[in-house]
Amino acid sequence: MPDQDRPIQGPARTLVLMRHAEAGGAARDHDRPLTAAGVRAATEAGRWMRDTLSPVDLTICSTATRTRQTRDAADVGGDVR
């Protein structure tokens, strides 16, 4: 049986794609921080994820300031890469 036809072994996984929250301005796009509203939105999104989904194992996150701040405010746990 070809590999692509084999059933998946082990527990099912859920992939969640999350965009960064609202960010302000900065001289460099990579350095744009979250606004106060962005922090509140990311915190609420994290609360929903913790209440609704299975625990997060891994977050793959850009090094941009706004994406790291979104992940920190969401406080979903798991490893970060």
C-alpha atoms as a PDB file:
ATOM      1  CA  MET A   1       0.000   0.000   0.000  1.00  0.00           C
ATOM      2  CA  PRO A   2       1.518   3.403  -0.957  1.00  0.00           C
ATOM      3  CA  ASP A   3       2.316   5.665   2.017  1.00  0.00           C
ATOM      4  CA  GLN A   4      -0.282   8.277   1.043  1.00  0.00           C
ATOM      5  CA  ASP A   5      -3.013   5.596   1.213  1.00  0.00           C
ATOM      6  CA  ARG A   6      -2.150   4.365   4.706  1.00  0.00           C
ATOM      7  CA  PRO A   7      -4.410   5.463   7.543  1.00  0.00           C
ATOM      8  CA  ILE A   8      -2.915   7.952   9.988  1.00  0.00           C
ATOM      9  CA  GLN A   9      -1.608   6.240  13.095  1.00  0.00           C
ATOM     10  CA  GLY A  10      -1.775   7.796  16.558  1.00  0.00           C
ATOM     11  CA  PRO A  11      -3.982  10.512  17.985  1.00  0.00           C
ATOM     12  CA  ALA A  12      -5.633  13.030  15.692  1.00  0.00           C
ATOM     13  CA  ARG A  13      -4.099  16.512  15.608  1.00  0.00           C
ATOM     14  CA  THR A  14      -5.736  19.895  15.192  1.00  0.00           C
ATOM     15  CA  LEU A  15      -4.053  22.677  13.234  1.00  0.00           C
ATOM     16  CA  VAL A  16      -5.000  26.197  14.301  1.00  0.00           C
ATOM     17  CA  LEU A  17      -3.911  29.172  12.212  1.00  0.00           C
ATOM     18  CA  MET A  18      -3.943  32.453  14.094  1.00  0.00           C
ATOM     19  CA  ARG A  19      -3.071  35.864  12.698  1.00  0.00           C
ATOM     20  CA  HIS A  20      -1.379  38.428  14.908  1.00  0.00           C
ATOM     21  CA  ALA A  21      -3.619  40.885  16.718  1.00  0.00           C
ATOM     22  CA  GLU A  22      -3.886  44.595  15.893  1.00  0.00           C
ATOM     23  CA  ALA A  23      -0.476  46.236  15.732  1.00  0.00           C
ATOM     24  CA  GLY A  24       0.676  49.836  15.831  1.00  0.00           C
ATOM     25  CA  GLY A  25       3.399  51.521  13.860  1.00  0.00           C
ATOM     26  CA  ALA A  26       7.180  51.377  14.060  1.00  0.00           C
ATOM     27  CA  ALA A  27      10.118  52.396  11.907  1.00  0.00           C
ATOM     28  CA  ARG A  28      10.546  48.784  10.787  1.00  0.00           C
ATOM     29  CA  ASP A  29       7.563  46.519  10.045  1.00  0.00           C
ATOM     30  CA  HIS A  30       9.227  43.665  11.973  1.00  0.00           C
ATOM     31  CA  ASP A  31       9.237  45.815  15.153  1.00  0.00           C
ATOM     32  CA  ARG A  32       5.549  46.814  15.186  1.00  0.00           C
ATOM     33  CA  PRO A  33       4.089  46.184  18.687  1.00  0.00           C
ATOM     34  CA  LEU A  34       0.506  45.284  19.535  1.00  0.00           C
ATOM     35  CA  THR A  35      -1.884  48.065  20.423  1.00  0.00           C
ATOM     36  CA  ALA A  36      -3.811  47.899  23.706  1.00  0.00           C
ATOM     37  CA  ALA A  37      -6.800  46.631  21.718  1.00  0.00           C
ATOM     38  CA  GLY A  38      -4.549  43.992  20.125  1.00  0.00           C
ATOM     39  CA  VAL A  39      -3.406  42.740  23.537  1.00  0.00           C
ATOM     40  CA  ARG A  40      -7.044  42.482  24.682  1.00  0.00           C
ATOM     41  CA  ALA A  41      -8.048  40.622  21.487  1.00  0.00           C
ATOM     42  CA  ALA A  42      -5.125  38.180  21.747  1.00  0.00           C
ATOM     43  CA  THR A  43      -5.911  37.544  25.416  1.00  0.00           C
ATOM     44  CA  GLU A  44      -9.545  36.791  24.554  1.00  0.00           C
ATOM     45  CA  ALA A  45      -8.531  34.533  21.648  1.00  0.00           C
ATOM     46  CA  GLY A  46      -6.234  32.592  23.965  1.00  0.00           C
ATOM     47  CA  ARG A  47      -9.005  32.215  26.543  1.00  0.00           C
ATOM     48  CA  TRP A  48     -11.291  30.814  23.834  1.00  0.00           C
ATOM     49  CA  MET A  49      -8.590  28.397  22.644  1.00  0.00           C
ATOM     50  CA  ARG A  50      -7.893  27.117  26.188  1.00  0.00           C
ATOM     51  CA  ASP A  51     -11.627  26.698  26.871  1.00  0.00           C
ATOM     52  CA  THR A  52     -12.514  25.121  23.518  1.00  0.00           C
ATOM     53  CA  LEU A  53      -9.563  23.221  22.062  1.00  0.00           C
ATOM     54  CA  SER A  54      -7.146  20.546  23.190  1.00  0.00           C
ATOM     55  CA  PRO A  55      -3.918  21.818  24.782  1.00  0.00           C
ATOM     56  CA  VAL A  56      -1.409  23.370  22.391  1.00  0.00           C
ATOM     57  CA  ASP A  57       1.730  21.264  21.804  1.00  0.00           C
ATOM     58  CA  LEU A  58       3.646  23.604  19.528  1.00  0.00           C
ATOM     59  CA  THR A  59       3.478  27.155  18.222  1.00  0.00           C
ATOM     60  CA  ILE A  60       5.361  28.036  15.056  1.00  0.00           C
ATOM     61  CA  CYS A  61       5.698  31.788  15.270  1.00  0.00           C
ATOM     62  CA  SER A  62       7.505  34.525  13.384  1.00  0.00           C
ATOM     63  CA  THR A  63      10.106  36.532  15.295  1.00  0.00           C
ATOM     64  CA  ALA A  64       8.204  39.746  14.523  1.00  0.00           C
ATOM     65  CA  THR A  65       7.354  41.666  17.697  1.00  0.00           C
ATOM     66  CA  ARG A  66       3.595  41.657  17.063  1.00  0.00           C
ATOM     67  CA  THR A  67       3.451  37.882  16.517  1.00  0.00           C
ATOM     68  CA  ARG A  68       5.455  37.093  19.662  1.00  0.00           C
ATOM     69  CA  GLN A  69       3.324  39.511  21.694  1.00  0.00           C
ATOM     70  CA  THR A  70       0.157  37.899  20.323  1.00  0.00           C
ATOM     71  CA  ARG A  71       1.402  34.465  21.336  1.00  0.00           C
ATOM     72  CA  ASP A  72       2.409  35.701  24.806  1.00  0.00           C
ATOM     73  CA  ALA A  73      -0.941  37.437  25.385  1.00  0.00           C
ATOM     74  CA  ALA A  74      -2.848  34.349  24.206  1.00  0.00           C
ATOM     75  CA  ASP A  75      -0.938  32.303  26.828  1.00  0.00           C
ATOM     76  CA  VAL A  76      -1.725  28.943  25.237  1.00  0.00           C
ATOM     77  CA  GLY A  77       1.400  27.090  26.382  1.00  0.00           C
ATOM     78  CA  GLY A  78       3.371  24.585  24.346  1.00  0.00           C
ATOM     79  CA  ASP A  79       6.797  24.888  22.777  1.00  0.00           C
ATOM     80  CA  VAL A  80       7.594  27.855  20.512  1.00  0.00           C
ATOM     81  CA  ARG A  81       9.669  27.684  17.346  1.00  0.00           C
END
